[in-house]
Amino acid sequence: CLLATPMPGSGGAPGGNRTYFPFFSDFRGRNVTALRIGESSALASIFLLALAGNIWGICLLVRRRHRLCAANCLVLNLFCADLLFITAIPFIAAVRWTESWVLGDVVCHMLFYVVSLSGTVVILSLSAVSLERVVSIARLRHAAFRRRKALAAALLLIWVFAALATLPLCCFFTVYNVNFFFIWKQEIEICTLVWPSIAGEIVWDVTFAIVFFLIPGLVIVISYSKILQITKASRRSLNAGLAYSENHQIRVSQQDYKLFRALFVLMISFFIMWSPIIITILLILVQNYKQDLNILPSVFFWIVLFTFA
């Protein structure tokens, strides 16, 4: 088990018999150079591909300034958040080589905060795009985001809400002096999450999983289901030789059909990409107090890498 136990007399909140998960620090002994090179290569590849893809997407949307609808602005916001998301990759690569934490207190506080903040914005933007599209396509009412002020307020709300919700990670991630069972009497620093109370940690983890994973996921699923219903109704109307449906006066264009497919891919990728990291975070919470449950830092690293991809 690679869980860390506090050094006698070391700083930090008292935790009783609890242990501290080292996150990106991974003490693997010697002869791991090839593994480190492989990890760094994977990180570099994902970083460059994500950087190129997001910049290309931003440039594509900016070139169509005259066609920047609410959905495109939300997608643009998603690209920007994803760029912020991948800024953590160089720091993660550095820690995989140094193993112990050498980047200082400020980076420890900010690294996980930036990752969680940008990841939360990505999730909220995905759900906002799907919700805006179903409202716009269904013509149930005029889209609330069509006015620039309303759209700006919605984007600001997404960032502020995400920043406040993930603020505890900025506060409670800290550099901690620990001992590992195979490195006795040697002080090692890791960047770990030290909550002031067990109850607070449980409440935050469960609330975060519900508010920023389950609810956005449900929004995406329900929105896609509604769009699918509209698509089927439109096709039946078109097959009958009508341009509009009899009930709602809905016309679905070829561009809308492409959007439906894109939303379906987003919905599937949302659950595939984010489910593992959310489940792992909850398991880390359990592992901190139930030491017979063993989650290796290397497992956490590869799951995070999968989320970056």
C-alpha atoms as a PDB file:
ATOM      1  CA  CYS A   1       0.000   0.000   0.000  1.00  0.00           C
ATOM      2  CA  LEU A   2       1.420   3.405  -0.963  1.00  0.00           C
ATOM      3  CA  LEU A   3      -0.622   5.510   1.374  1.00  0.00           C
ATOM      4  CA  ALA A   4       1.240   8.111   3.401  1.00  0.00           C
ATOM      5  CA  THR A   5       1.218   8.387   7.166  1.00  0.00           C
ATOM      6  CA  PRO A   6       2.127  11.642   8.904  1.00  0.00           C
ATOM      7  CA  MET A   7       5.552  12.114  10.439  1.00  0.00           C
ATOM      8  CA  PRO A   8       5.550  12.461  14.212  1.00  0.00           C
ATOM      9  CA  GLY A   9       5.417  16.129  15.019  1.00  0.00           C
ATOM     10  CA  SER A  10       4.732  17.139  11.429  1.00  0.00           C
ATOM     11  CA  GLY A  11       2.390  19.964  10.663  1.00  0.00           C
ATOM     12  CA  GLY A  12      -1.154  19.594   9.451  1.00  0.00           C
ATOM     13  CA  ALA A  13      -4.540  18.863  10.802  1.00  0.00           C
ATOM     14  CA  PRO A  14      -4.899  15.979  13.144  1.00  0.00           C
ATOM     15  CA  GLY A  15      -6.278  12.948  11.404  1.00  0.00           C
ATOM     16  CA  GLY A  16      -6.164  10.138  13.928  1.00  0.00           C
ATOM     17  CA  ASN A  17      -5.469   6.876  12.122  1.00  0.00           C
ATOM     18  CA  ARG A  18      -6.213   8.306   8.710  1.00  0.00           C
ATOM     19  CA  THR A  19      -3.733   8.237   5.859  1.00  0.00           C
ATOM     20  CA  TYR A  20      -2.998  10.756   3.129  1.00  0.00           C
ATOM     21  CA  PHE A  21      -3.225  10.010  -0.554  1.00  0.00           C
ATOM     22  CA  PRO A  22      -0.128  11.300  -2.438  1.00  0.00           C
ATOM     23  CA  PHE A  23      -2.050  11.982  -5.687  1.00  0.00           C
ATOM     24  CA  PHE A  24       0.594  12.629  -8.392  1.00  0.00           C
ATOM     25  CA  SER A  25       3.573  11.757  -6.185  1.00  0.00           C
ATOM     26  CA  ASP A  26       4.420   8.100  -6.668  1.00  0.00           C
ATOM     27  CA  PHE A  27       7.340   6.443  -4.878  1.00  0.00           C
ATOM     28  CA  ARG A  28       8.178   3.508  -7.104  1.00  0.00           C
ATOM     29  CA  GLY A  29      11.789   2.823  -6.188  1.00  0.00           C
ATOM     30  CA  ARG A  30      14.540   2.422  -8.756  1.00  0.00           C
ATOM     31  CA  ASN A  31      14.647   1.334 -12.396  1.00  0.00           C
ATOM     32  CA  VAL A  32      11.514   3.230 -13.405  1.00  0.00           C
ATOM     33  CA  THR A  33      13.117   5.562 -15.954  1.00  0.00           C
ATOM     34  CA  ALA A  34      11.418   3.828 -18.877  1.00  0.00           C
ATOM     35  CA  LEU A  35       8.045   4.145 -17.142  1.00  0.00           C
ATOM     36  CA  ARG A  36       8.637   7.843 -16.484  1.00  0.00           C
ATOM     37  CA  ILE A  37       9.564   8.397 -20.123  1.00  0.00           C
ATOM     38  CA  GLY A  38       6.375   6.626 -21.174  1.00  0.00           C
ATOM     39  CA  GLU A  39       4.275   8.755 -18.829  1.00  0.00           C
ATOM     40  CA  SER A  40       5.939  11.959 -20.005  1.00  0.00           C
ATOM     41  CA  SER A  41       5.450  10.990 -23.652  1.00  0.00           C
ATOM     42  CA  ALA A  42       1.761  10.315 -23.056  1.00  0.00           C
ATOM     43  CA  LEU A  43       1.352  13.630 -21.224  1.00  0.00           C
ATOM     44  CA  ALA A  44       3.214  15.544 -23.937  1.00  0.00           C
ATOM     45  CA  SER A  45       1.135  13.953 -26.704  1.00  0.00           C
ATOM     46  CA  ILE A  46      -2.151  14.771 -24.983  1.00  0.00           C
ATOM     47  CA  PHE A  47      -0.979  18.310 -24.211  1.00  0.00           C
ATOM     48  CA  LEU A  48       0.047  19.060 -27.803  1.00  0.00           C
ATOM     49  CA  LEU A  49      -3.058  17.476 -29.340  1.00  0.00           C
ATOM     50  CA  ALA A  50      -5.395  19.242 -26.909  1.00  0.00           C
ATOM     51  CA  LEU A  51      -3.580  22.542 -27.398  1.00  0.00           C
ATOM     52  CA  ALA A  52      -3.785  22.297 -31.184  1.00  0.00           C
ATOM     53  CA  GLY A  53      -7.396  21.106 -31.141  1.00  0.00           C
ATOM     54  CA  ASN A  54      -8.648  23.813 -28.811  1.00  0.00           C
ATOM     55  CA  ILE A  55      -6.782  26.608 -30.586  1.00  0.00           C
ATOM     56  CA  TRP A  56      -8.109  25.365 -33.929  1.00  0.00           C
ATOM     57  CA  GLY A  57     -11.647  25.308 -32.529  1.00  0.00           C
ATOM     58  CA  ILE A  58     -11.316  28.807 -31.081  1.00  0.00           C
ATOM     59  CA  CYS A  59      -9.960  30.185 -34.362  1.00  0.00           C
ATOM     60  CA  LEU A  60     -12.769  28.511 -36.285  1.00  0.00           C
ATOM     61  CA  LEU A  61     -15.422  30.116 -34.088  1.00  0.00           C
ATOM     62  CA  VAL A  62     -13.743  33.530 -34.010  1.00  0.00           C
ATOM     63  CA  ARG A  63     -13.596  33.599 -37.825  1.00  0.00           C
ATOM     64  CA  ARG A  64     -17.380  33.257 -37.832  1.00  0.00           C
ATOM     65  CA  ARG A  65     -17.983  36.227 -35.561  1.00  0.00           C
ATOM     66  CA  HIS A  66     -21.073  37.208 -37.537  1.00  0.00           C
ATOM     67  CA  ARG A  67     -22.561  33.771 -36.778  1.00  0.00           C
ATOM     68  CA  LEU A  68     -21.646  33.588 -33.085  1.00  0.00           C
ATOM     69  CA  CYS A  69     -24.897  32.304 -31.625  1.00  0.00           C
ATOM     70  CA  ALA A  70     -25.354  31.418 -27.977  1.00  0.00           C
ATOM     71  CA  ALA A  71     -24.397  27.779 -28.548  1.00  0.00           C
ATOM     72  CA  ASN A  72     -21.168  28.770 -30.293  1.00  0.00           C
ATOM     73  CA  CYS A  73     -20.291  31.155 -27.454  1.00  0.00           C
ATOM     74  CA  LEU A  74     -20.819  28.357 -24.946  1.00  0.00           C
ATOM     75  CA  VAL A  75     -18.650  26.047 -27.046  1.00  0.00           C
ATOM     76  CA  LEU A  76     -16.012  28.796 -27.195  1.00  0.00           C
ATOM     77  CA  ASN A  77     -16.162  28.975 -23.416  1.00  0.00           C
ATOM     78  CA  LEU A  78     -15.696  25.201 -23.312  1.00  0.00           C
ATOM     79  CA  PHE A  79     -12.563  25.442 -25.489  1.00  0.00           C
ATOM     80  CA  CYS A  80     -11.089  28.152 -23.230  1.00  0.00           C
ATOM     81  CA  ALA A  81     -11.789  26.090 -20.107  1.00  0.00           C
ATOM     82  CA  ASP A  82     -10.162  23.063 -21.711  1.00  0.00           C
ATOM     83  CA  LEU A  83      -7.056  25.135 -22.476  1.00  0.00           C
ATOM     84  CA  LEU A  84      -6.892  26.073 -18.799  1.00  0.00           C
ATOM     85  CA  PHE A  85      -7.450  22.409 -17.928  1.00  0.00           C
ATOM     86  CA  ILE A  86      -4.348  21.220 -19.782  1.00  0.00           C
ATOM     87  CA  THR A  87      -2.060  23.855 -18.214  1.00  0.00           C
ATOM     88  CA  ALA A  88      -1.689  21.414 -15.309  1.00  0.00           C
ATOM     89  CA  ILE A  89       0.004  18.800 -17.502  1.00  0.00           C
ATOM     90  CA  PRO A  90       3.592  20.213 -17.326  1.00  0.00           C
ATOM     91  CA  PHE A  91       3.407  20.351 -13.517  1.00  0.00           C
ATOM     92  CA  ILE A  92       2.079  16.794 -13.330  1.00  0.00           C
ATOM     93  CA  ALA A  93       4.904  15.608 -15.586  1.00  0.00           C
ATOM     94  CA  ALA A  94       7.452  17.280 -13.307  1.00  0.00           C
ATOM     95  CA  VAL A  95       6.053  15.572 -10.198  1.00  0.00           C
ATOM     96  CA  ARG A  96       6.124  12.161 -11.889  1.00  0.00           C
ATOM     97  CA  TRP A  97       9.898  12.618 -12.218  1.00  0.00           C
ATOM     98  CA  THR A  98      10.671  14.179  -8.828  1.00  0.00           C
ATOM     99  CA  GLU A  99       8.204  11.894  -6.979  1.00  0.00           C
ATOM    100  CA  SER A 100       8.276  14.009  -3.818  1.00  0.00           C
ATOM    101  CA  TRP A 101       6.640  17.430  -4.039  1.00  0.00           C
ATOM    102  CA  VAL A 102       9.214  20.133  -4.884  1.00  0.00           C
ATOM    103  CA  LEU A 103       6.974  22.730  -6.537  1.00  0.00           C
ATOM    104  CA  GLY A 104       6.129  24.646  -3.364  1.00  0.00           C
ATOM    105  CA  ASP A 105       3.003  25.544  -1.430  1.00  0.00           C
ATOM    106  CA  VAL A 106       1.493  27.937  -3.982  1.00  0.00           C
ATOM    107  CA  VAL A 107       1.552  25.417  -6.832  1.00  0.00           C
ATOM    108  CA  CYS A 108       0.157  22.746  -4.496  1.00  0.00           C
ATOM    109  CA  HIS A 109      -2.799  24.968  -3.622  1.00  0.00           C
ATOM    110  CA  MET A 110      -3.394  26.138  -7.191  1.00  0.00           C
ATOM    111  CA  LEU A 111      -2.717  23.026  -9.299  1.00  0.00           C
ATOM    112  CA  PHE A 112      -5.677  20.959  -8.166  1.00  0.00           C
ATOM    113  CA  TYR A 113      -7.840  24.071  -7.904  1.00  0.00           C
ATOM    114  CA  VAL A 114      -7.203  25.022 -11.535  1.00  0.00           C
ATOM    115  CA  VAL A 115      -7.811  21.441 -12.698  1.00  0.00           C
ATOM    116  CA  SER A 116     -11.077  21.120 -10.776  1.00  0.00           C
ATOM    117  CA  LEU A 117     -12.220  24.647 -11.708  1.00  0.00           C
ATOM    118  CA  SER A 118     -11.636  24.225 -15.437  1.00  0.00           C
ATOM    119  CA  GLY A 119     -13.030  20.686 -15.422  1.00  0.00           C
ATOM    120  CA  THR A 120     -16.186  21.919 -13.694  1.00  0.00           C
ATOM    121  CA  VAL A 121     -16.565  24.715 -16.264  1.00  0.00           C
ATOM    122  CA  VAL A 122     -16.220  22.147 -19.060  1.00  0.00           C
ATOM    123  CA  ILE A 123     -18.979  20.010 -17.532  1.00  0.00           C
ATOM    124  CA  LEU A 124     -21.303  22.978 -16.963  1.00  0.00           C
ATOM    125  CA  SER A 125     -20.642  24.288 -20.484  1.00  0.00           C
ATOM    126  CA  LEU A 126     -21.496  20.898 -22.000  1.00  0.00           C
ATOM    127  CA  SER A 127     -24.809  20.786 -20.165  1.00  0.00           C
ATOM    128  CA  ALA A 128     -25.525  24.452 -21.011  1.00  0.00           C
ATOM    129  CA  VAL A 129     -24.919  23.808 -24.728  1.00  0.00           C
ATOM    130  CA  SER A 130     -27.295  20.843 -24.781  1.00  0.00           C
ATOM    131  CA  LEU A 131     -29.944  22.768 -22.839  1.00  0.00           C
ATOM    132  CA  GLU A 132     -29.662  25.837 -25.074  1.00  0.00           C
ATOM    133  CA  ARG A 133     -29.932  23.721 -28.200  1.00  0.00           C
ATOM    134  CA  VAL A 134     -33.060  21.868 -27.144  1.00  0.00           C
ATOM    135  CA  VAL A 135     -34.733  25.147 -26.162  1.00  0.00           C
ATOM    136  CA  SER A 136     -33.732  26.804 -29.419  1.00  0.00           C
ATOM    137  CA  ILE A 137     -34.642  23.897 -31.707  1.00  0.00           C
ATOM    138  CA  ALA A 138     -37.928  23.087 -30.020  1.00  0.00           C
ATOM    139  CA  ARG A 139     -38.979  26.757 -30.255  1.00  0.00           C
ATOM    140  CA  LEU A 140     -40.620  26.338 -26.891  1.00  0.00           C
ATOM    141  CA  ARG A 141     -39.688  29.923 -26.184  1.00  0.00           C
ATOM    142  CA  HIS A 142     -37.137  32.446 -27.295  1.00  0.00           C
ATOM    143  CA  ALA A 143     -33.737  31.325 -26.098  1.00  0.00           C
ATOM    144  CA  ALA A 144     -32.795  33.277 -22.997  1.00  0.00           C
ATOM    145  CA  PHE A 145     -29.173  33.493 -24.133  1.00  0.00           C
ATOM    146  CA  ARG A 146     -29.904  35.392 -27.350  1.00  0.00           C
ATOM    147  CA  ARG A 147     -29.311  38.736 -25.713  1.00  0.00           C
ATOM    148  CA  ARG A 148     -25.655  39.514 -25.228  1.00  0.00           C
ATOM    149  CA  LYS A 149     -26.077  40.641 -21.634  1.00  0.00           C
ATOM    150  CA  ALA A 150     -27.926  37.461 -20.712  1.00  0.00           C
ATOM    151  CA  LEU A 151     -25.279  35.338 -22.412  1.00  0.00           C
ATOM    152  CA  ALA A 152     -22.450  37.210 -20.674  1.00  0.00           C
ATOM    153  CA  ALA A 153     -24.229  36.795 -17.349  1.00  0.00           C
ATOM    154  CA  ALA A 154     -24.649  33.058 -17.967  1.00  0.00           C
ATOM    155  CA  LEU A 155     -20.955  32.627 -18.793  1.00  0.00           C
ATOM    156  CA  LEU A 156     -19.944  34.654 -15.741  1.00  0.00           C
ATOM    157  CA  LEU A 157     -22.278  32.586 -13.571  1.00  0.00           C
ATOM    158  CA  ILE A 158     -20.701  29.353 -14.816  1.00  0.00           C
ATOM    159  CA  TRP A 159     -17.184  30.529 -13.917  1.00  0.00           C
ATOM    160  CA  VAL A 160     -18.128  32.071 -10.561  1.00  0.00           C
ATOM    161  CA  PHE A 161     -20.185  29.047  -9.536  1.00  0.00           C
ATOM    162  CA  ALA A 162     -17.351  26.684 -10.482  1.00  0.00           C
ATOM    163  CA  ALA A 163     -14.742  28.861  -8.749  1.00  0.00           C
ATOM    164  CA  LEU A 164     -16.684  28.986  -5.487  1.00  0.00           C
ATOM    165  CA  ALA A 165     -17.622  25.300  -5.546  1.00  0.00           C
ATOM    166  CA  THR A 166     -14.020  24.163  -5.992  1.00  0.00           C
ATOM    167  CA  LEU A 167     -12.497  26.750  -3.625  1.00  0.00           C
ATOM    168  CA  PRO A 168     -12.140  24.197  -0.773  1.00  0.00           C
ATOM    169  CA  LEU A 169      -9.566  22.345  -2.875  1.00  0.00           C
ATOM    170  CA  CYS A 170      -7.481  25.512  -3.089  1.00  0.00           C
ATOM    171  CA  CYS A 171      -7.725  25.945   0.676  1.00  0.00           C
ATOM    172  CA  PHE A 172      -7.174  22.375   1.844  1.00  0.00           C
ATOM    173  CA  PHE A 173      -4.585  21.017  -0.578  1.00  0.00           C
ATOM    174  CA  THR A 174      -1.291  21.496   1.215  1.00  0.00           C
ATOM    175  CA  VAL A 175       2.305  20.274   1.324  1.00  0.00           C
ATOM    176  CA  TYR A 176       2.536  17.614   4.022  1.00  0.00           C
ATOM    177  CA  ASN A 177       5.528  15.835   5.577  1.00  0.00           C
ATOM    178  CA  VAL A 178       4.942  12.093   5.575  1.00  0.00           C
ATOM    179  CA  ASN A 179       6.597   8.728   6.051  1.00  0.00           C
ATOM    180  CA  PHE A 180       6.157   5.646   3.888  1.00  0.00           C
ATOM    181  CA  PHE A 181       6.444   2.165   5.253  1.00  0.00           C
ATOM    182  CA  PHE A 182       9.581   1.492   3.189  1.00  0.00           C
ATOM    183  CA  ILE A 183      11.279   4.864   3.862  1.00  0.00           C
ATOM    184  CA  TRP A 184      11.249   5.036   7.637  1.00  0.00           C
ATOM    185  CA  LYS A 185      12.699   8.060   9.397  1.00  0.00           C
ATOM    186  CA  GLN A 186      13.051   9.956   6.152  1.00  0.00           C
ATOM    187  CA  GLU A 187      10.949  13.068   5.719  1.00  0.00           C
ATOM    188  CA  ILE A 188       9.190  13.277   2.365  1.00  0.00           C
ATOM    189  CA  GLU A 189       6.858  15.996   1.152  1.00  0.00           C
ATOM    190  CA  ILE A 190       3.683  15.333  -0.805  1.00  0.00           C
ATOM    191  CA  CYS A 191       0.886  17.603  -1.966  1.00  0.00           C
ATOM    192  CA  THR A 192      -2.231  16.128  -0.431  1.00  0.00           C
ATOM    193  CA  LEU A 193      -5.744  17.034   0.599  1.00  0.00           C
ATOM    194  CA  VAL A 194      -6.143  17.655   4.339  1.00  0.00           C
ATOM    195  CA  TRP A 195      -9.690  18.531   5.337  1.00  0.00           C
ATOM    196  CA  PRO A 196     -10.300  20.071   8.780  1.00  0.00           C
ATOM    197  CA  SER A 197     -13.116  17.594   9.424  1.00  0.00           C
ATOM    198  CA  ILE A 198     -14.254  14.233   8.115  1.00  0.00           C
ATOM    199  CA  ALA A 199     -17.855  15.421   7.860  1.00  0.00           C
ATOM    200  CA  GLY A 200     -16.865  18.387   5.699  1.00  0.00           C
ATOM    201  CA  GLU A 201     -14.919  16.149   3.330  1.00  0.00           C
ATOM    202  CA  ILE A 202     -17.792  13.699   2.957  1.00  0.00           C
ATOM    203  CA  VAL A 203     -20.365  16.458   2.405  1.00  0.00           C
ATOM    204  CA  TRP A 204     -18.230  18.200  -0.223  1.00  0.00           C
ATOM    205  CA  ASP A 205     -17.363  15.017  -2.138  1.00  0.00           C
ATOM    206  CA  VAL A 206     -20.940  13.772  -2.288  1.00  0.00           C
ATOM    207  CA  THR A 207     -22.369  17.218  -3.106  1.00  0.00           C
ATOM    208  CA  PHE A 208     -19.790  17.793  -5.839  1.00  0.00           C
ATOM    209  CA  ALA A 209     -20.515  14.411  -7.441  1.00  0.00           C
ATOM    210  CA  ILE A 210     -24.255  15.115  -7.453  1.00  0.00           C
ATOM    211  CA  VAL A 211     -24.244  18.790  -8.488  1.00  0.00           C
ATOM    212  CA  PHE A 212     -21.406  18.699 -11.017  1.00  0.00           C
ATOM    213  CA  PHE A 213     -21.697  15.194 -12.418  1.00  0.00           C
ATOM    214  CA  LEU A 214     -25.092  13.570 -11.951  1.00  0.00           C
ATOM    215  CA  ILE A 215     -27.220  16.680 -12.536  1.00  0.00           C
ATOM    216  CA  PRO A 216     -25.300  17.911 -15.633  1.00  0.00           C
ATOM    217  CA  GLY A 217     -25.337  14.338 -16.913  1.00  0.00           C
ATOM    218  CA  LEU A 218     -29.104  14.170 -16.503  1.00  0.00           C
ATOM    219  CA  VAL A 219     -29.466  17.536 -18.266  1.00  0.00           C
ATOM    220  CA  ILE A 220     -27.459  16.228 -21.221  1.00  0.00           C
ATOM    221  CA  VAL A 221     -29.411  12.954 -21.375  1.00  0.00           C
ATOM    222  CA  ILE A 222     -32.824  14.648 -21.100  1.00  0.00           C
ATOM    223  CA  SER A 223     -31.857  17.310 -23.651  1.00  0.00           C
ATOM    224  CA  TYR A 224     -30.654  14.702 -26.114  1.00  0.00           C
ATOM    225  CA  SER A 225     -33.801  12.631 -25.588  1.00  0.00           C
ATOM    226  CA  LYS A 226     -35.965  15.679 -26.282  1.00  0.00           C
ATOM    227  CA  ILE A 227     -33.993  16.525 -29.417  1.00  0.00           C
ATOM    228  CA  LEU A 228     -34.338  12.922 -30.559  1.00  0.00           C
ATOM    229  CA  GLN A 229     -38.117  13.185 -30.166  1.00  0.00           C
ATOM    230  CA  ILE A 230     -38.112  16.408 -32.192  1.00  0.00           C
ATOM    231  CA  THR A 231     -36.010  14.742 -34.882  1.00  0.00           C
ATOM    232  CA  LYS A 232     -38.407  11.815 -35.217  1.00  0.00           C
ATOM    233  CA  ALA A 233     -41.429  14.142 -35.300  1.00  0.00           C
ATOM    234  CA  SER A 234     -39.792  16.293 -37.960  1.00  0.00           C
ATOM    235  CA  ARG A 235     -38.908  13.295 -40.106  1.00  0.00           C
ATOM    236  CA  ARG A 236     -42.467  12.013 -39.944  1.00  0.00           C
ATOM    237  CA  SER A 237     -43.721  15.425 -41.004  1.00  0.00           C
ATOM    238  CA  LEU A 238     -41.210  15.680 -43.835  1.00  0.00           C
ATOM    239  CA  ASN A 239     -42.094  12.191 -45.022  1.00  0.00           C
ATOM    240  CA  ALA A 240     -45.710  13.311 -45.164  1.00  0.00           C
ATOM    241  CA  GLY A 241     -44.682  16.187 -47.403  1.00  0.00           C
ATOM    242  CA  LEU A 242     -44.899  18.870 -44.734  1.00  0.00           C
ATOM    243  CA  ALA A 243     -42.207  21.406 -43.981  1.00  0.00           C
ATOM    244  CA  TYR A 244     -43.356  21.925 -40.423  1.00  0.00           C
ATOM    245  CA  SER A 245     -44.891  19.726 -37.785  1.00  0.00           C
ATOM    246  CA  GLU A 246     -48.567  20.273 -37.118  1.00  0.00           C
ATOM    247  CA  ASN A 247     -48.265  20.675 -33.366  1.00  0.00           C
ATOM    248  CA  HIS A 248     -45.259  22.929 -32.733  1.00  0.00           C
ATOM    249  CA  GLN A 249     -44.340  24.355 -36.110  1.00  0.00           C
ATOM    250  CA  ILE A 250     -40.873  22.767 -35.804  1.00  0.00           C
ATOM    251  CA  ARG A 251     -38.499  22.615 -38.712  1.00  0.00           C
ATOM    252  CA  VAL A 252     -35.281  20.646 -38.302  1.00  0.00           C
ATOM    253  CA  SER A 253     -32.569  21.501 -40.806  1.00  0.00           C
ATOM    254  CA  GLN A 254     -29.687  19.368 -42.006  1.00  0.00           C
ATOM    255  CA  GLN A 255     -27.409  21.408 -39.755  1.00  0.00           C
ATOM    256  CA  ASP A 256     -29.600  20.435 -36.802  1.00  0.00           C
ATOM    257  CA  TYR A 257     -29.220  16.756 -37.674  1.00  0.00           C
ATOM    258  CA  LYS A 258     -25.443  17.143 -37.557  1.00  0.00           C
ATOM    259  CA  LEU A 259     -25.810  18.826 -34.196  1.00  0.00           C
ATOM    260  CA  PHE A 260     -27.868  15.905 -32.893  1.00  0.00           C
ATOM    261  CA  ARG A 261     -25.057  13.512 -33.749  1.00  0.00           C
ATOM    262  CA  ALA A 262     -22.520  15.818 -32.104  1.00  0.00           C
ATOM    263  CA  LEU A 263     -24.634  16.026 -28.951  1.00  0.00           C
ATOM    264  CA  PHE A 264     -24.932  12.252 -28.851  1.00  0.00           C
ATOM    265  CA  VAL A 265     -21.144  11.917 -29.047  1.00  0.00           C
ATOM    266  CA  LEU A 266     -20.779  14.549 -26.307  1.00  0.00           C
ATOM    267  CA  MET A 267     -23.255  12.707 -24.106  1.00  0.00           C
ATOM    268  CA  ILE A 268     -21.434   9.382 -24.460  1.00  0.00           C
ATOM    269  CA  SER A 269     -17.990  10.939 -24.039  1.00  0.00           C
ATOM    270  CA  PHE A 270     -19.182  12.866 -20.978  1.00  0.00           C
ATOM    271  CA  PHE A 271     -19.966   9.693 -19.049  1.00  0.00           C
ATOM    272  CA  ILE A 272     -16.993   7.740 -20.390  1.00  0.00           C
ATOM    273  CA  MET A 273     -14.462  10.471 -19.577  1.00  0.00           C
ATOM    274  CA  TRP A 274     -15.762  11.742 -16.240  1.00  0.00           C
ATOM    275  CA  SER A 275     -17.191   8.658 -14.538  1.00  0.00           C
ATOM    276  CA  PRO A 276     -13.785   7.080 -13.721  1.00  0.00           C
ATOM    277  CA  ILE A 277     -12.321  10.190 -12.070  1.00  0.00           C
ATOM    278  CA  ILE A 278     -15.472  10.901 -10.036  1.00  0.00           C
ATOM    279  CA  ILE A 279     -15.609   7.293  -8.823  1.00  0.00           C
ATOM    280  CA  THR A 280     -11.883   7.340  -8.026  1.00  0.00           C
ATOM    281  CA  ILE A 281     -12.188  10.534  -5.977  1.00  0.00           C
ATOM    282  CA  LEU A 282     -14.976   8.972  -3.929  1.00  0.00           C
ATOM    283  CA  LEU A 283     -12.899   5.815  -3.437  1.00  0.00           C
ATOM    284  CA  ILE A 284      -9.937   7.903  -2.272  1.00  0.00           C
ATOM    285  CA  LEU A 285     -12.217   9.411   0.348  1.00  0.00           C
ATOM    286  CA  VAL A 286     -13.115   5.915   1.545  1.00  0.00           C
ATOM    287  CA  GLN A 287      -9.495   4.754   1.385  1.00  0.00           C
ATOM    288  CA  ASN A 288      -8.318   7.541   3.681  1.00  0.00           C
ATOM    289  CA  TYR A 289     -10.245   5.929   6.523  1.00  0.00           C
ATOM    290  CA  LYS A 290     -10.416   2.296   5.362  1.00  0.00           C
ATOM    291  CA  GLN A 291      -6.845   1.227   4.804  1.00  0.00           C
ATOM    292  CA  ASP A 292      -7.648  -2.229   3.443  1.00  0.00           C
ATOM    293  CA  LEU A 293      -8.934  -0.478   0.302  1.00  0.00           C
ATOM    294  CA  ASN A 294      -5.858   0.137  -1.821  1.00  0.00           C
ATOM    295  CA  ILE A 295      -5.834   2.650  -4.690  1.00  0.00           C
ATOM    296  CA  LEU A 296      -2.367   3.158  -6.121  1.00  0.00           C
ATOM    297  CA  PRO A 297      -1.206   6.663  -7.126  1.00  0.00           C
ATOM    298  CA  SER A 298      -0.310   5.225 -10.534  1.00  0.00           C
ATOM    299  CA  VAL A 299      -3.958   4.222 -11.023  1.00  0.00           C
ATOM    300  CA  PHE A 300      -5.050   7.750 -10.132  1.00  0.00           C
ATOM    301  CA  PHE A 301      -2.492   9.168 -12.586  1.00  0.00           C
ATOM    302  CA  TRP A 302      -3.676   7.079 -15.535  1.00  0.00           C
ATOM    303  CA  ILE A 303      -7.315   7.843 -14.805  1.00  0.00           C
ATOM    304  CA  VAL A 304      -6.513  11.566 -14.751  1.00  0.00           C
ATOM    305  CA  LEU A 305      -4.585  11.103 -17.993  1.00  0.00           C
ATOM    306  CA  PHE A 306      -7.648   9.420 -19.505  1.00  0.00           C
ATOM    307  CA  THR A 307      -9.759  12.414 -18.420  1.00  0.00           C
ATOM    308  CA  PHE A 308      -7.281  14.817 -20.032  1.00  0.00           C
ATOM    309  CA  ALA A 309      -7.557  12.860 -23.267  1.00  0.00           C
END
